[in-house]
Protein backbone atom coordinates (compact mmCIF):
# COMPACT_ATOMS: atom_id res chain seq x y z
CA MET A 1 3.37 -0.71 26.28
CA SER A 2 4.73 -4.21 25.79
CA ASN A 3 5.14 -5.39 22.22
CA SER A 4 3.63 -8.74 23.28
CA LEU A 5 0.35 -7.28 24.58
CA PRO A 6 -2.43 -8.64 22.32
CA LEU A 7 -4.86 -6.18 20.76
CA SER A 8 -8.41 -6.71 19.53
CA LEU A 9 -8.23 -5.84 15.85
CA GLY A 10 -10.63 -5.63 12.92
CA PHE A 11 -9.29 -5.77 9.36
CA ALA A 12 -11.03 -4.88 6.08
CA GLY A 13 -9.39 -5.71 2.76
CA ILE A 14 -7.98 -9.22 2.34
CA GLY A 15 -5.99 -8.79 -0.88
CA LEU A 16 -2.40 -9.17 -2.04
CA MET A 17 -1.16 -7.13 0.94
CA GLY A 18 -3.98 -7.63 3.44
CA LEU A 19 -3.78 -11.43 3.55
CA PRO A 20 -0.10 -11.70 4.58
CA MET A 21 -0.46 -8.76 6.97
CA CYS A 22 -3.37 -10.50 8.70
CA ARG A 23 -1.39 -13.73 8.91
CA ARG A 24 1.35 -11.85 10.75
CA LEU A 25 -1.12 -10.19 13.13
CA LEU A 26 -2.57 -13.59 14.02
CA ALA A 27 0.89 -15.08 14.47
CA ALA A 28 1.75 -12.23 16.86
CA GLY A 29 -1.19 -13.26 19.05
CA HIS A 30 -3.62 -10.46 18.26
CA GLN A 31 -7.35 -11.18 18.19
CA LEU A 32 -8.52 -10.62 14.63
CA THR A 33 -11.92 -10.08 13.03
CA VAL A 34 -11.99 -9.76 9.24
CA TRP A 35 -14.24 -8.51 6.45
CA ASN A 36 -13.79 -8.50 2.69
CA ARG A 37 -16.08 -7.58 -0.20
CA SER A 38 -15.43 -11.07 -1.62
CA PRO A 39 -16.08 -13.14 1.54
CA ASP A 40 -14.31 -16.28 0.30
CA LYS A 41 -10.95 -14.53 0.49
CA CYS A 42 -11.27 -14.57 4.29
CA ALA A 43 -11.35 -18.39 4.44
CA PRO A 44 -7.60 -18.94 5.05
CA LEU A 45 -7.69 -16.47 7.94
CA VAL A 46 -10.78 -18.04 9.50
CA GLU A 47 -8.99 -21.39 9.35
CA ALA A 48 -6.04 -19.73 11.15
CA GLY A 49 -8.25 -18.41 13.96
CA ALA A 50 -9.79 -15.16 12.75
CA ARG A 51 -13.50 -14.37 13.04
CA GLN A 52 -15.38 -13.20 9.94
CA VAL A 53 -18.20 -10.64 9.80
CA GLU A 54 -20.64 -9.72 7.04
CA THR A 55 -20.34 -5.91 7.03
CA PRO A 56 -17.54 -3.41 7.69
CA GLY A 57 -19.55 -1.85 10.50
CA GLU A 58 -19.57 -5.13 12.44
CA LEU A 59 -15.79 -4.85 12.79
CA CYS A 60 -16.48 -2.07 15.31
CA ASP A 61 -18.53 -4.49 17.44
CA ALA A 62 -15.61 -6.86 17.73
CA ALA A 63 -12.54 -4.60 17.94
CA ASP A 64 -11.32 -1.31 19.35
CA VAL A 65 -8.91 -0.86 16.44
CA VAL A 66 -10.15 -1.26 12.85
CA MET A 67 -7.58 -1.58 10.09
CA LEU A 68 -8.10 -1.01 6.36
CA CYS A 69 -6.03 -2.13 3.38
CA LEU A 70 -8.13 -1.14 0.38
CA ALA A 71 -7.67 -0.24 -3.26
CA ASP A 72 -8.18 3.51 -3.38
CA THR A 73 -9.86 6.59 -1.93
CA GLY A 74 -13.29 5.73 -3.33
CA VAL A 75 -13.29 2.25 -1.83
CA VAL A 76 -12.18 3.53 1.58
CA ARG A 77 -14.91 6.17 1.52
CA GLU A 78 -17.52 3.49 0.73
CA VAL A 79 -16.29 1.09 3.43
CA VAL A 80 -16.19 3.83 6.06
CA PHE A 81 -19.25 5.90 5.18
CA GLY A 82 -21.43 3.63 3.02
CA ASP A 83 -24.42 1.55 4.08
CA ALA A 84 -23.43 -0.70 7.01
CA GLY A 85 -20.03 0.97 6.90
CA ILE A 86 -17.73 1.66 9.80
CA VAL A 87 -19.47 4.95 10.62
CA SER A 88 -22.68 3.03 11.39
CA LYS A 89 -21.22 1.38 14.49
CA ALA A 90 -18.07 3.36 15.34
CA ARG A 91 -17.85 4.96 18.75
CA ALA A 92 -15.63 7.38 20.63
CA GLY A 93 -12.37 5.84 21.79
CA GLN A 94 -12.06 3.54 18.79
CA LEU A 95 -9.28 3.96 16.25
CA LEU A 96 -9.19 3.51 12.48
CA VAL A 97 -5.79 2.57 11.04
CA ASP A 98 -5.63 2.90 7.25
CA PHE A 99 -2.84 1.07 5.39
CA SER A 100 -4.31 2.05 2.00
CA SER A 101 -2.58 4.55 -0.28
CA LEU A 102 -4.98 7.48 -0.59
CA GLU A 103 -5.18 11.13 -1.55
CA PRO A 104 -3.83 13.17 1.41
CA THR A 105 -6.52 15.85 1.18
CA ALA A 106 -9.32 13.27 1.06
CA THR A 107 -7.76 11.46 4.03
CA ARG A 108 -7.84 14.64 6.11
CA ASP A 109 -11.45 15.32 5.12
CA MET A 110 -12.62 11.78 5.90
CA ALA A 111 -10.78 11.70 9.22
CA ALA A 112 -12.44 14.95 10.29
CA GLN A 113 -15.86 13.68 9.15
CA LEU A 114 -15.51 10.38 11.03
CA LYS A 115 -14.31 12.11 14.18
CA ALA A 116 -17.17 14.59 14.13
CA ALA A 117 -19.79 11.90 13.51
CA THR A 118 -18.61 9.22 15.94
CA GLY A 119 -15.57 10.31 17.95
CA MET A 120 -13.46 7.61 16.25
CA SER A 121 -9.87 8.72 15.53
CA TRP A 122 -7.91 8.09 12.32
CA LEU A 123 -4.29 7.14 11.63
CA ASP A 124 -3.11 7.02 8.03
CA THR A 125 -0.40 4.36 7.94
CA PRO A 126 0.48 3.56 4.29
CA VAL A 127 3.21 1.00 3.78
CA SER A 128 6.07 0.30 1.39
CA GLY A 129 7.76 -3.02 0.73
CA GLY A 130 5.23 -4.91 -1.37
CA THR A 131 4.02 -8.43 -0.76
CA PRO A 132 7.51 -9.71 0.14
CA GLY A 133 7.68 -7.09 2.89
CA ALA A 134 4.17 -7.94 4.06
CA GLU A 135 5.05 -11.63 4.27
CA ALA A 136 8.35 -11.04 6.06
CA GLY A 137 7.13 -8.28 8.39
CA THR A 138 9.67 -5.82 6.99
CA LEU A 139 7.35 -3.10 5.69
CA ALA A 140 8.21 0.58 6.08
CA ILE A 141 5.20 2.24 7.71
CA MET A 142 4.63 6.01 7.44
CA VAL A 143 2.20 7.38 9.99
CA GLY A 144 0.01 10.46 10.08
CA GLY A 145 -2.14 11.25 13.12
CA GLU A 146 -1.88 11.78 16.87
CA ALA A 147 1.22 10.37 18.58
CA THR A 148 -0.89 8.93 21.40
CA ASP A 149 -2.99 6.99 18.87
CA LEU A 150 0.17 5.63 17.26
CA GLU A 151 1.44 4.35 20.60
CA ARG A 152 -1.80 2.43 21.11
CA VAL A 153 -1.21 0.36 17.98
CA ARG A 154 2.59 0.34 17.77
CA PRO A 155 2.74 -3.30 19.00
CA ALA A 156 0.58 -4.41 16.09
CA LEU A 157 2.48 -2.27 13.59
CA LEU A 158 5.77 -3.78 14.74
CA ALA A 159 4.42 -7.20 13.76
CA LEU A 160 4.12 -5.85 10.22
CA GLY A 161 7.08 -3.54 9.72
CA GLN A 162 10.69 -3.01 10.59
CA ARG A 163 10.29 0.78 10.59
CA VAL A 164 7.40 2.85 11.93
CA THR A 165 7.89 6.60 11.45
CA HIS A 166 5.53 9.28 12.76
CA MET A 167 5.47 11.91 10.01
CA GLY A 168 3.01 14.39 11.56
CA GLY A 169 -0.73 14.99 11.70
CA VAL A 170 -3.45 13.15 9.77
CA GLY A 171 -2.55 13.00 6.08
CA ALA A 172 1.21 13.21 6.62
CA GLY A 173 1.59 9.47 6.12
CA GLN A 174 -0.18 9.71 2.77
CA VAL A 175 2.03 12.60 1.65
CA THR A 176 5.08 10.50 2.52
CA LYS A 177 3.69 7.50 0.61
CA ALA A 178 3.09 9.70 -2.43
CA CYS A 179 6.74 10.75 -2.28
CA ASN A 180 7.74 7.08 -2.00
CA GLN A 181 5.67 6.11 -5.03
CA MET A 182 7.06 8.97 -7.12
CA ILE A 183 10.54 7.56 -6.58
CA VAL A 184 9.50 3.94 -7.13
CA ALA A 185 7.52 4.59 -10.31
CA CYS A 186 10.11 6.84 -11.94
CA ASN A 187 12.76 4.29 -10.98
CA ALA A 188 10.77 1.43 -12.53
CA LEU A 189 10.42 3.30 -15.81
CA VAL A 190 14.09 4.18 -16.11
CA ILE A 191 15.06 0.59 -15.19
CA ALA A 192 12.93 -0.53 -18.15
CA GLU A 193 14.80 1.93 -20.38
CA VAL A 194 18.13 0.63 -19.10
CA VAL A 195 17.28 -3.04 -19.68
CA ALA A 196 15.98 -2.30 -23.19
CA LEU A 197 19.10 -0.27 -24.04
CA ALA A 198 21.37 -3.06 -22.81
CA GLU A 199 19.46 -5.64 -24.86
CA GLN A 200 19.52 -3.55 -28.02
CA SER A 201 23.25 -2.96 -27.58
CA GLY A 202 24.07 -6.64 -27.31
CA VAL A 203 24.84 -6.50 -23.57
CA ASP A 204 23.56 -9.27 -21.28
CA ALA A 205 20.79 -7.37 -19.49
CA SER A 206 20.44 -10.12 -16.87
CA LEU A 207 23.78 -8.95 -15.43
CA ILE A 208 22.77 -5.29 -15.00
CA ALA A 209 21.50 -5.64 -11.42
CA GLU A 210 24.59 -7.57 -10.34
CA ALA A 211 26.96 -5.17 -12.07
CA LEU A 212 25.42 -2.10 -10.43
CA ALA A 213 24.92 -3.61 -6.97
CA GLY A 214 26.45 -1.43 -4.26
CA GLY A 215 26.96 1.56 -6.54
CA PHE A 216 25.06 4.84 -6.61
CA ALA A 217 22.53 3.44 -9.10
CA ASP A 218 21.63 0.49 -6.88
CA SER A 219 18.17 0.18 -5.33
CA LYS A 220 15.66 -2.45 -4.32
CA PRO A 221 13.60 -1.78 -7.46
CA LEU A 222 16.72 -2.32 -9.58
CA GLN A 223 17.53 -5.62 -7.88
CA ILE A 224 13.95 -6.85 -8.16
CA LEU A 225 12.79 -5.46 -11.51
CA ALA A 226 15.88 -5.58 -13.73
CA PRO A 227 16.28 -9.39 -13.58
CA GLN A 228 12.53 -9.88 -14.05
CA MET A 229 12.53 -7.56 -17.06
CA ALA A 230 15.61 -9.17 -18.60
CA GLU A 231 14.07 -12.63 -18.25
CA SER A 232 10.52 -11.51 -19.18
CA ARG A 233 9.46 -13.06 -15.86
CA PHE A 234 6.12 -11.41 -15.17
CA GLU A 235 4.42 -14.07 -13.03
CA PRO A 236 3.39 -14.34 -10.29
CA VAL A 237 2.07 -10.78 -10.12
CA LYS A 238 3.36 -9.24 -6.89
CA TRP A 239 1.92 -5.76 -7.46
CA HIS A 240 -0.02 -4.03 -10.23
CA VAL A 241 0.59 -1.38 -12.85
CA ARG A 242 -2.81 0.11 -11.91
CA THR A 243 -1.57 0.66 -8.34
CA LEU A 244 1.49 2.61 -9.45
CA LEU A 245 -0.64 4.63 -11.87
CA LYS A 246 -3.19 5.44 -9.16
CA ASP A 247 -0.44 6.55 -6.78
CA LEU A 248 1.26 8.68 -9.44
CA ASP A 249 -2.04 10.37 -10.23
CA THR A 250 -2.51 11.00 -6.51
CA ALA A 251 0.96 12.53 -6.23
CA VAL A 252 0.52 14.79 -9.26
CA LYS A 253 -2.93 15.93 -8.12
CA PHE A 254 -1.66 16.71 -4.61
CA SER A 255 1.40 18.54 -5.96
CA ARG A 256 -0.91 20.71 -8.03
CA GLU A 257 -3.00 21.48 -4.94
CA GLN A 258 0.18 22.49 -3.10
CA GLY A 259 1.60 24.51 -5.99
CA SER A 260 4.61 22.19 -6.21
CA ALA A 261 6.17 21.21 -9.55
CA THR A 262 6.46 17.48 -10.31
CA PRO A 263 7.27 17.27 -14.05
CA LEU A 264 9.04 13.90 -13.94
CA SER A 265 6.23 12.27 -12.00
CA GLY A 266 3.71 13.80 -14.42
CA LEU A 267 5.54 12.24 -17.35
CA ALA A 268 5.81 8.94 -15.47
CA ALA A 269 2.04 8.97 -14.95
CA GLN A 270 1.42 9.42 -18.67
CA LEU A 271 3.84 6.62 -19.59
CA MET A 272 2.22 4.37 -16.97
CA ARG A 273 -1.22 5.26 -18.35
CA LEU A 274 -0.07 4.42 -21.89
CA HIS A 275 1.25 1.06 -20.69
CA GLY A 276 -1.95 0.33 -18.78
CA SER A 277 -4.10 1.21 -21.80
CA GLN A 278 -2.37 -1.55 -23.75
CA GLY A 279 -3.79 -4.22 -21.47
CA TYR A 280 -1.27 -4.15 -18.63
CA LEU A 281 -3.24 -2.57 -15.77
CA GLU A 282 -3.53 -5.86 -13.87
CA LYS A 283 0.01 -6.95 -14.77
CA ASP A 284 3.25 -6.64 -12.79
CA PRO A 285 5.27 -3.42 -13.32
CA ALA A 286 8.11 -5.62 -14.64
CA THR A 287 6.06 -5.59 -17.86
CA LEU A 288 7.09 -1.93 -18.34
CA ILE A 289 9.98 -3.33 -20.38
CA ASP A 290 7.43 -3.98 -23.13
CA LEU A 291 7.08 -0.22 -23.58
CA TYR A 292 10.63 -0.11 -24.90
CA ARG A 293 11.25 -3.42 -26.63
CA SER A 294 10.92 -3.43 -30.38
CA LYS A 295 7.74 -5.14 -31.46
CA PRO A 296 8.16 -7.98 -33.99
């Protein structure tokens, strides 16, 4: 299949990630129909050539492939199975592509339910790379589902990401994303510890990322978060503490279901919950430094 072949796409969830992803899909020449719970957020995409509908189900009237980028498992379940949801108009041969980060077990259950009710197939395709990756089209995309379904939408996915990896059956993409978020969240917390230690020791913490670049401790989170933490630069918010907390809780719950030990991620979830409870849920994870700085 040619990467330039346009697809007819529906997209639900025009948020921090969904908006730049939709912009890239339009720029790649794909036909796009959009829906969002807050309809005004669709306005920039309508101006760019997208069509807007009033219910999630109507996306199935306009497109053979319906994409989701939503907050959590509960929201996806409502958009797919709620009143005027996708299930109300889905039909056999259509494909749901879910970029959201969800519980793997719930993803498998919902995919089976949708398939049985309508014949519509499901790919779980969570992404990593944040809003910069969404804007630049450099997301890492982890895919669970049938290989033939992936090939149908690979052209669209390649407009969004530099790497598309088929991890296995439905739910495998979500398991991989949980693993990704375990690493990212634990990394963010230890970076906050490092910056606070440097500051309290009289070392210029703004130089930490540069000093460690290229060494074994280097990472994208280090290069992004350490300077932000050192400078207390928390705006604009590029991602949310609540998102990392939700994904950590997902990972710990799934590990318990699988009988797998995840003690570091469990501790990270509790530290993230503590931070969120202090008014930081909607803030950028760079604010994790405030967990460790001495309060005046």
